[in-house]
């Protein structure tokens, strides 16, 4: 749960800085070598299961 909260909580910051979609953000998390293993697992799960998110949801 903590890993999900971390992934979810940082999206608004990333979106504001880079104007990327939720799916692009999740892909960047998975590719980043500095991302923790649990956060990567959460991001992979969300991509695989079609999790949708809007900046308005933040």
N, C-alpha and C. Protein backbone atom coordinates (compact mmCIF):
# COMPACT_ATOMS: atom_id res chain seq x y z
N UNK A 1 0.83 -1.20 0.00
CA UNK A 1 0.00 0.00 0.00
C UNK A 1 0.87 1.26 0.00
N UNK A 2 1.95 1.24 0.73
CA UNK A 2 2.84 2.39 0.79
C UNK A 2 3.45 2.68 -0.59
N UNK A 3 3.80 1.62 -1.31
CA UNK A 3 4.37 1.80 -2.66
C UNK A 3 3.34 2.44 -3.58
N UNK A 4 2.07 2.01 -3.50
CA UNK A 4 1.02 2.60 -4.33
C UNK A 4 0.85 4.08 -3.99
N UNK A 5 0.83 4.39 -2.70
CA UNK A 5 0.67 5.78 -2.28
C UNK A 5 1.82 6.65 -2.81
N UNK A 6 3.01 6.10 -2.82
CA UNK A 6 4.16 6.83 -3.34
C UNK A 6 4.03 7.08 -4.84
N UNK A 7 3.70 6.03 -5.58
CA UNK A 7 3.51 6.15 -7.04
C UNK A 7 2.40 7.15 -7.34
N UNK A 8 1.28 6.99 -6.67
CA UNK A 8 0.12 7.84 -6.89
C UNK A 8 0.40 9.29 -6.50
N UNK A 9 1.05 9.47 -5.37
CA UNK A 9 1.30 10.81 -4.85
C UNK A 9 2.25 11.65 -5.69
N UNK A 10 3.16 11.02 -6.37
CA UNK A 10 4.14 11.76 -7.17
C UNK A 10 3.65 12.11 -8.57
N UNK A 11 2.55 11.51 -8.99
CA UNK A 11 2.07 11.75 -10.36
C UNK A 11 1.78 13.22 -10.63
N UNK A 12 1.13 13.90 -9.73
CA UNK A 12 0.77 15.30 -9.97
C UNK A 12 2.03 16.15 -10.21
N UNK A 13 3.08 15.86 -9.47
CA UNK A 13 4.33 16.60 -9.62
C UNK A 13 4.94 16.32 -10.99
N UNK A 14 5.00 15.05 -11.37
CA UNK A 14 5.55 14.67 -12.67
C UNK A 14 4.71 15.27 -13.80
N UNK A 15 3.39 15.21 -13.66
CA UNK A 15 2.52 15.72 -14.71
C UNK A 15 2.70 17.22 -14.89
N UNK A 16 2.81 17.92 -13.79
CA UNK A 16 2.98 19.37 -13.87
C UNK A 16 4.32 19.72 -14.53
N UNK A 17 5.36 18.99 -14.21
CA UNK A 17 6.69 19.27 -14.76
C UNK A 17 6.84 18.82 -16.20
N UNK A 18 6.28 17.66 -16.53
CA UNK A 18 6.53 17.06 -17.84
C UNK A 18 5.29 16.93 -18.72
N UNK A 19 4.12 17.22 -18.17
CA UNK A 19 2.86 17.08 -18.90
C UNK A 19 2.74 15.71 -19.57
N UNK A 20 2.88 14.66 -18.77
CA UNK A 20 2.77 13.30 -19.28
C UNK A 20 1.51 12.64 -18.73
N UNK A 21 1.03 11.67 -19.47
CA UNK A 21 -0.17 10.95 -19.04
C UNK A 21 0.18 9.98 -17.91
N UNK A 22 -0.85 9.47 -17.27
CA UNK A 22 -0.69 8.48 -16.21
C UNK A 22 0.06 7.25 -16.73
N UNK A 23 -0.31 6.76 -17.91
CA UNK A 23 0.36 5.58 -18.47
C UNK A 23 1.82 5.87 -18.81
N UNK A 24 2.10 7.04 -19.34
CA UNK A 24 3.49 7.41 -19.62
C UNK A 24 4.30 7.48 -18.32
N UNK A 25 3.68 8.05 -17.30
CA UNK A 25 4.31 8.15 -15.98
C UNK A 25 4.64 6.77 -15.43
N UNK A 26 3.68 5.86 -15.51
CA UNK A 26 3.90 4.49 -15.02
C UNK A 26 5.03 3.82 -15.80
N UNK A 27 5.07 4.02 -17.09
CA UNK A 27 6.14 3.45 -17.92
C UNK A 27 7.50 4.00 -17.51
N UNK A 28 7.56 5.28 -17.21
CA UNK A 28 8.82 5.89 -16.77
C UNK A 28 9.26 5.30 -15.43
N UNK A 29 8.33 5.05 -14.55
CA UNK A 29 8.66 4.43 -13.25
C UNK A 29 9.28 3.06 -13.47
N UNK A 30 8.67 2.28 -14.33
CA UNK A 30 9.16 0.92 -14.60
C UNK A 30 10.57 0.96 -15.20
N UNK A 31 10.85 1.92 -16.09
CA UNK A 31 12.15 2.00 -16.76
C UNK A 31 13.25 2.60 -15.88
N UNK A 32 12.89 3.36 -14.88
CA UNK A 32 13.87 4.09 -14.07
C UNK A 32 14.67 3.13 -13.18
N UNK A 33 16.00 3.09 -13.34
CA UNK A 33 16.81 2.17 -12.54
C UNK A 33 16.87 2.56 -11.05
N UNK A 34 16.46 3.77 -10.71
CA UNK A 34 16.49 4.21 -9.33
C UNK A 34 15.17 3.99 -8.59
N UNK A 35 14.16 3.51 -9.31
CA UNK A 35 12.86 3.22 -8.70
C UNK A 35 12.98 1.96 -7.86
N UNK A 36 12.37 1.99 -6.69
CA UNK A 36 12.37 0.81 -5.82
C UNK A 36 11.60 -0.34 -6.43
N UNK A 37 11.94 -1.55 -6.01
CA UNK A 37 11.33 -2.75 -6.56
C UNK A 37 9.81 -2.78 -6.35
N UNK A 38 9.36 -2.41 -5.17
CA UNK A 38 7.91 -2.45 -4.90
C UNK A 38 7.16 -1.43 -5.74
N UNK A 39 7.74 -0.24 -5.89
CA UNK A 39 7.09 0.78 -6.73
C UNK A 39 7.02 0.31 -8.18
N UNK A 40 8.07 -0.36 -8.65
CA UNK A 40 8.05 -0.90 -10.01
C UNK A 40 6.96 -1.95 -10.15
N UNK A 41 6.83 -2.82 -9.15
CA UNK A 41 5.79 -3.84 -9.20
C UNK A 41 4.40 -3.22 -9.25
N UNK A 42 4.20 -2.17 -8.47
CA UNK A 42 2.91 -1.48 -8.48
C UNK A 42 2.65 -0.86 -9.85
N UNK A 43 3.64 -0.18 -10.40
CA UNK A 43 3.49 0.46 -11.72
C UNK A 43 3.20 -0.58 -12.80
N UNK A 44 3.92 -1.70 -12.77
CA UNK A 44 3.68 -2.77 -13.75
C UNK A 44 2.27 -3.32 -13.62
N UNK A 45 1.82 -3.50 -12.40
CA UNK A 45 0.46 -4.01 -12.16
C UNK A 45 -0.58 -3.03 -12.70
N UNK A 46 -0.39 -1.75 -12.43
CA UNK A 46 -1.35 -0.74 -12.89
C UNK A 46 -1.39 -0.65 -14.41
N UNK A 47 -0.24 -0.76 -15.06
CA UNK A 47 -0.19 -0.75 -16.53
C UNK A 47 -0.91 -1.98 -17.06
N UNK A 48 -0.60 -3.12 -16.50
CA UNK A 48 -1.17 -4.39 -16.96
C UNK A 48 -2.69 -4.43 -16.80
N UNK A 49 -3.20 -3.81 -15.75
CA UNK A 49 -4.63 -3.86 -15.45
C UNK A 49 -5.39 -2.63 -15.93
N UNK A 50 -4.73 -1.78 -16.71
CA UNK A 50 -5.41 -0.65 -17.34
C UNK A 50 -5.90 0.42 -16.40
N UNK A 51 -5.18 0.65 -15.33
CA UNK A 51 -5.53 1.70 -14.37
C UNK A 51 -5.54 3.06 -15.08
N UNK A 52 -6.62 3.80 -14.93
CA UNK A 52 -6.74 5.13 -15.54
C UNK A 52 -6.70 6.19 -14.46
N UNK A 53 -6.19 7.36 -14.82
CA UNK A 53 -6.09 8.45 -13.85
C UNK A 53 -6.03 9.76 -14.59
N UNK A 54 -6.65 10.78 -14.03
CA UNK A 54 -6.58 12.14 -14.56
C UNK A 54 -5.90 13.02 -13.54
N UNK A 55 -5.28 14.09 -14.00
CA UNK A 55 -4.66 15.03 -13.08
C UNK A 55 -5.72 15.61 -12.15
N UNK A 56 -6.93 15.76 -12.64
CA UNK A 56 -8.02 16.29 -11.81
C UNK A 56 -8.27 15.41 -10.60
N UNK A 57 -7.92 14.12 -10.70
CA UNK A 57 -8.12 13.19 -9.60
C UNK A 57 -7.12 13.41 -8.47
N UNK A 58 -6.07 14.17 -8.74
CA UNK A 58 -5.00 14.36 -7.77
C UNK A 58 -5.45 15.19 -6.59
